[in-house]
C-alpha atoms as a PDB file:
ATOM      1  CA  MET A   1      -5.445  -9.917   0.841  1.00  0.00           C
ATOM      2  CA  LYS A   2      -3.985 -13.231   0.674  1.00  0.00           C
ATOM      3  CA  ASP A   3      -5.985 -14.812   3.229  1.00  0.00           C
ATOM      4  CA  GLU A   4      -9.563 -14.413   2.506  1.00  0.00           C
ATOM      5  CA  LEU A   5     -12.257 -16.611   2.743  1.00  0.00           C
ATOM      6  CA  PRO A   6     -13.748 -18.288  -1.344  1.00  0.00           C
ATOM      7  CA  GLN A   7     -16.126 -16.199  -2.417  1.00  0.00           C
ATOM      8  CA  ASN A   8     -18.729 -18.824  -2.165  1.00  0.00           C
ATOM      9  CA  GLU A   9     -18.017 -18.592   1.551  1.00  0.00           C
ATOM     10  CA  PRO A  10     -19.403 -15.838   3.873  1.00  0.00           C
ATOM     11  CA  ARG A  11     -16.940 -13.396   5.488  1.00  0.00           C
ATOM     12  CA  TYR A  12     -17.147 -13.703   9.652  1.00  0.00           C
ATOM     13  CA  ILE A  13     -18.167 -10.497  11.171  1.00  0.00           C
ATOM     14  CA  PRO A  14     -17.752 -11.362  15.318  1.00  0.00           C
ATOM     15  CA  SER A  15     -21.373 -10.614  16.586  1.00  0.00           C
ATOM     16  CA  PRO A  16     -22.058  -9.386  19.984  1.00  0.00           C
ATOM     17  CA  ASP A  17     -24.803 -12.914  20.334  1.00  0.00           C
ATOM     18  CA  GLU A  18     -21.520 -15.155  20.244  1.00  0.00           C
ATOM     19  CA  PRO A  19     -19.360 -15.704  23.625  1.00  0.00           C
ATOM     20  CA  TYR A  20     -17.594 -12.519  24.199  1.00  0.00           C
ATOM     21  CA  MET A  21     -13.749 -12.927  22.826  1.00  0.00           C
ATOM     22  CA  ASN A  22     -13.955 -16.118  22.421  1.00  0.00           C
ATOM     23  CA  GLU A  23     -10.875 -17.895  19.859  1.00  0.00           C
ATOM     24  CA  ARG A  24     -12.277 -16.749  16.665  1.00  0.00           C
ATOM     25  CA  GLN A  25     -12.797 -13.430  17.567  1.00  0.00           C
ATOM     26  CA  ARG A  26      -9.352 -12.955  18.808  1.00  0.00           C
ATOM     27  CA  LYS A  27      -8.000 -14.285  15.675  1.00  0.00           C
ATOM     28  CA  TYR A  28     -10.975 -11.826  13.805  1.00  0.00           C
ATOM     29  CA  PHE A  29      -9.238  -8.957  15.959  1.00  0.00           C
ATOM     30  CA  HIS A  30      -5.474  -9.864  15.100  1.00  0.00           C
ATOM     31  CA  ASP A  31      -5.734 -10.427  11.525  1.00  0.00           C
ATOM     32  CA  MET A  32      -7.731  -7.437  11.176  1.00  0.00           C
ATOM     33  CA  LEU A  33      -4.782  -5.456  13.570  1.00  0.00           C
ATOM     34  CA  VAL A  34      -1.872  -6.782  12.161  1.00  0.00           C
ATOM     35  CA  ALA A  35      -3.145  -5.975   8.472  1.00  0.00           C
ATOM     36  CA  TRP A  36      -3.614  -2.606   9.186  1.00  0.00           C
ATOM     37  CA  ARG A  37      -0.361  -2.450  10.767  1.00  0.00           C
ATOM     38  CA  ASP A  38       1.439  -3.381   8.379  1.00  0.00           C
ATOM     39  CA  GLU A  39      -0.428  -1.283   5.813  1.00  0.00           C
ATOM     40  CA  LEU A  40       0.697   1.790   8.223  1.00  0.00           C
ATOM     41  CA  SER A  41       4.195   0.646   8.133  1.00  0.00           C
ATOM     42  CA  LYS A  42       4.215  -0.081   4.537  1.00  0.00           C
ATOM     43  CA  ASP A  43       3.649   3.847   4.228  1.00  0.00           C
ATOM     44  CA  ILE A  44       5.509   4.704   6.785  1.00  0.00           C
ATOM     45  CA  GLN A  45       8.693   3.004   4.853  1.00  0.00           C
ATOM     46  CA  GLU A  46       7.223   4.916   1.655  1.00  0.00           C
ATOM     47  CA  THR A  47       7.555   8.375   3.498  1.00  0.00           C
ATOM     48  CA  ALA A  48      11.425   7.336   4.617  1.00  0.00           C
ATOM     49  CA  LYS A  49      11.753   6.492   1.447  1.00  0.00           C
ATOM     50  CA  HIS A  50      10.836  10.050  -0.453  1.00  0.00           C
ATOM     51  CA  LEU A  51      12.711  11.949   2.476  1.00  0.00           C
ATOM     52  CA  ARG A  52      15.937  10.264   1.432  1.00  0.00           C
ATOM     53  CA  GLU A  53      15.325  10.737  -2.154  1.00  0.00           C
ATOM     54  CA  GLY A  54      15.167  14.288  -1.551  1.00  0.00           C
ATOM     55  CA  GLU A  55      13.411  17.294  -3.373  1.00  0.00           C
ATOM     56  CA  GLU A  56      13.900  17.105  -7.487  1.00  0.00           C
ATOM     57  CA  ALA A  57      16.632  19.713  -8.800  1.00  0.00           C
ATOM     58  CA  GLY A  58      15.740  22.853 -10.673  1.00  0.00           C
ATOM     59  CA  GLN A  59      12.563  23.825  -8.512  1.00  0.00           C
ATOM     60  CA  ASP A  60      11.932  27.466  -8.264  1.00  0.00           C
ATOM     61  CA  GLU A  61      10.907  29.389  -5.277  1.00  0.00           C
ATOM     62  CA  VAL A  62       7.207  28.237  -5.638  1.00  0.00           C
ATOM     63  CA  ASP A  63       8.095  24.610  -6.260  1.00  0.00           C
ATOM     64  CA  HIS A  64      10.423  24.219  -3.635  1.00  0.00           C
ATOM     65  CA  ALA A  65       7.663  26.070  -1.053  1.00  0.00           C
ATOM     66  CA  GLU A  66       4.886  23.733  -2.583  1.00  0.00           C
ATOM     67  CA  TYR A  67       7.549  20.434  -1.817  1.00  0.00           C
ATOM     68  CA  GLU A  68       8.412  21.918   1.893  1.00  0.00           C
ATOM     69  CA  ARG A  69       4.850  22.286   2.804  1.00  0.00           C
ATOM     70  CA  ASP A  70       3.886  19.180   1.292  1.00  0.00           C
ATOM     71  CA  ILE A  71       7.008  17.560   3.311  1.00  0.00           C
ATOM     72  CA  GLY A  72       5.386  19.058   6.417  1.00  0.00           C
ATOM     73  CA  ILE A  73       2.138  17.426   6.388  1.00  0.00           C
ATOM     74  CA  GLU A  74       3.477  13.845   5.043  1.00  0.00           C
ATOM     75  CA  ILE A  75       6.046  13.874   8.226  1.00  0.00           C
ATOM     76  CA  ARG A  76       2.632  14.720  10.955  1.00  0.00           C
ATOM     77  CA  THR A  77       0.518  12.127   9.165  1.00  0.00           C
ATOM     78  CA  ARG A  78       3.367   9.795   9.186  1.00  0.00           C
ATOM     79  CA  GLU A  79       4.029  10.734  12.960  1.00  0.00           C
ATOM     80  CA  ARG A  80       0.287  10.122  13.615  1.00  0.00           C
ATOM     81  CA  GLU A  81       0.595   6.797  12.204  1.00  0.00           C
ATOM     82  CA  LEU A  82       3.848   5.329  14.307  1.00  0.00           C
ATOM     83  CA  LYS A  83       1.879   6.046  17.403  1.00  0.00           C
ATOM     84  CA  LEU A  84      -0.958   4.020  15.768  1.00  0.00           C
ATOM     85  CA  VAL A  85       1.329   1.442  15.046  1.00  0.00           C
ATOM     86  CA  THR A  86       2.195   1.818  18.596  1.00  0.00           C
ATOM     87  CA  LYS A  87      -1.409   1.055  19.756  1.00  0.00           C
ATOM     88  CA  ILE A  88      -2.189  -1.801  17.466  1.00  0.00           C
ATOM     89  CA  ASP A  89       0.701  -3.651  18.434  1.00  0.00           C
ATOM     90  CA  GLN A  90      -0.572  -2.637  22.547  1.00  0.00           C
ATOM     91  CA  ALA A  91      -3.618  -3.985  21.365  1.00  0.00           C
ATOM     92  CA  LEU A  92      -1.804  -7.093  19.586  1.00  0.00           C
ATOM     93  CA  ARG A  93      -0.035  -7.603  23.125  1.00  0.00           C
ATOM     94  CA  ARG A  94      -3.629  -7.663  25.105  1.00  0.00           C
ATOM     95  CA  ILE A  95      -5.296 -10.148  22.586  1.00  0.00           C
ATOM     96  CA  LYS A  96      -1.457 -12.626  23.425  1.00  0.00           C
ATOM     97  CA  GLU A  97      -2.165 -12.234  27.153  1.00  0.00           C
ATOM     98  CA  ASN A  98      -6.136 -12.719  26.802  1.00  0.00           C
ATOM     99  CA  ARG A  99      -6.789  -9.322  27.918  1.00  0.00           C
ATOM    100  CA  TYR A 100      -8.002  -7.929  24.565  1.00  0.00           C
ATOM    101  CA  GLY A 101     -11.523  -6.217  24.617  1.00  0.00           C
ATOM    102  CA  TYR A 102     -11.546  -5.756  28.302  1.00  0.00           C
ATOM    103  CA  CYS A 103     -11.980  -2.160  29.818  1.00  0.00           C
ATOM    104  CA  VAL A 104      -8.376  -1.398  31.070  1.00  0.00           C
ATOM    105  CA  GLU A 105      -9.465   0.601  34.193  1.00  0.00           C
ATOM    106  CA  THR A 106     -13.416  -1.714  34.800  1.00  0.00           C
ATOM    107  CA  LYS A 107     -12.053  -4.555  32.904  1.00  0.00           C
ATOM    108  CA  GLU A 108     -15.679  -4.006  31.200  1.00  0.00           C
ATOM    109  CA  PRO A 109     -16.087  -5.725  27.980  1.00  0.00           C
ATOM    110  CA  ILE A 110     -15.239  -3.110  25.471  1.00  0.00           C
ATOM    111  CA  GLY A 111     -18.426  -4.833  23.141  1.00  0.00           C
ATOM    112  CA  ILE A 112     -17.723  -5.812  20.159  1.00  0.00           C
ATOM    113  CA  PRO A 113     -19.683  -3.030  17.990  1.00  0.00           C
ATOM    114  CA  ARG A 114     -17.362  -0.787  20.108  1.00  0.00           C
ATOM    115  CA  LEU A 115     -13.760  -2.790  18.943  1.00  0.00           C
ATOM    116  CA  LEU A 116     -14.944  -3.722  15.068  1.00  0.00           C
ATOM    117  CA  VAL A 117     -15.193   0.649  14.798  1.00  0.00           C
ATOM    118  CA  ARG A 118     -11.822   1.318  16.974  1.00  0.00           C
ATOM    119  CA  PRO A 119     -10.110  -1.934  16.862  1.00  0.00           C
ATOM    120  CA  ILE A 120      -7.618  -0.153  19.393  1.00  0.00           C
ATOM    121  CA  ALA A 121      -9.801   0.889  21.914  1.00  0.00           C
ATOM    122  CA  ASN A 122      -8.761   0.085  25.677  1.00  0.00           C
ATOM    123  CA  MET A 123     -11.969   1.328  27.769  1.00  0.00           C
ATOM    124  CA  THR A 124     -15.405   1.219  27.450  1.00  0.00           C
ATOM    125  CA  LYS A 125     -16.902   4.017  25.561  1.00  0.00           C
ATOM    126  CA  ALA A 126     -18.226   5.360  29.732  1.00  0.00           C
ATOM    127  CA  ALA A 127     -14.545   5.274  30.760  1.00  0.00           C
ATOM    128  CA  GLN A 128     -13.162   6.632  27.660  1.00  0.00           C
ATOM    129  CA  GLU A 129     -15.145   9.296  28.324  1.00  0.00           C
ATOM    130  CA  ARG A 130     -14.499   9.766  32.182  1.00  0.00           C
ATOM    131  CA  HIS A 131     -10.705   9.927  30.966  1.00  0.00           C
ATOM    132  CA  GLU A 132     -11.423  12.299  28.688  1.00  0.00           C
ATOM    133  CA  ALA A 133     -13.242  14.882  31.102  1.00  0.00           C
ATOM    134  CA  GLU A 134     -10.041  14.145  34.023  1.00  0.00           C
ATOM    135  CA  GLU A 135      -7.783  15.157  30.811  1.00  0.00           C
ATOM    136  CA  ARG A 136     -10.287  18.462  30.360  1.00  0.00           C
ATOM    137  CA  LYS A 137     -10.309  19.303  33.454  1.00  0.00           C
ATOM    138  CA  HIS A 138      -6.618  19.102  33.970  1.00  0.00           C
ATOM    139  CA  LYS A 139      -6.317  20.828  30.879  1.00  0.00           C
ATOM    140  CA  ASP A 140      -8.410  24.217  31.294  1.00  0.00           C
ATOM    141  CA  GLY A 141      -6.622  24.162  34.946  1.00  0.00           C
ATOM    142  CA  LYS A 142      -4.124  24.902  33.741  1.00  0.00           C
ATOM    143  CA  ARG A 143      -4.687  27.353  31.869  1.00  0.00           C
ATOM    144  CA  PHE A 144      -5.759  29.807  34.750  1.00  0.00           C
ATOM    145  CA  LEU A 145      -2.000  28.925  36.242  1.00  0.00           C
END
């Protein structure tokens, strides 16, 4: 990254010991999310270019089948990345609105350790577990209809 600190300065990492979601933490997560989104967007654009170029002429049936399989995998990967870009954009919006780092359900702090691992998190771990359990319950209920 071009914005890296000089080698003699320590790299900043948010700490649970400092005031929660202070300006420095918000900037750290903003910069992390923008870099992540840019990297994903570049990958998505490269895939689109690759798909436009199409397969190589003169492939035999085995090569064609492998090409089709590889393209399918690549498309599914990029679809997941597009969903991730949407979640990153939502997190960036929450930073701009000073709501980042707080659970959308309980309004409690999500916590620096969780955000360092999953910077797009929008729920505390407990709220996320309740949400997933509720989804499983609805999914299981639909199986028996």
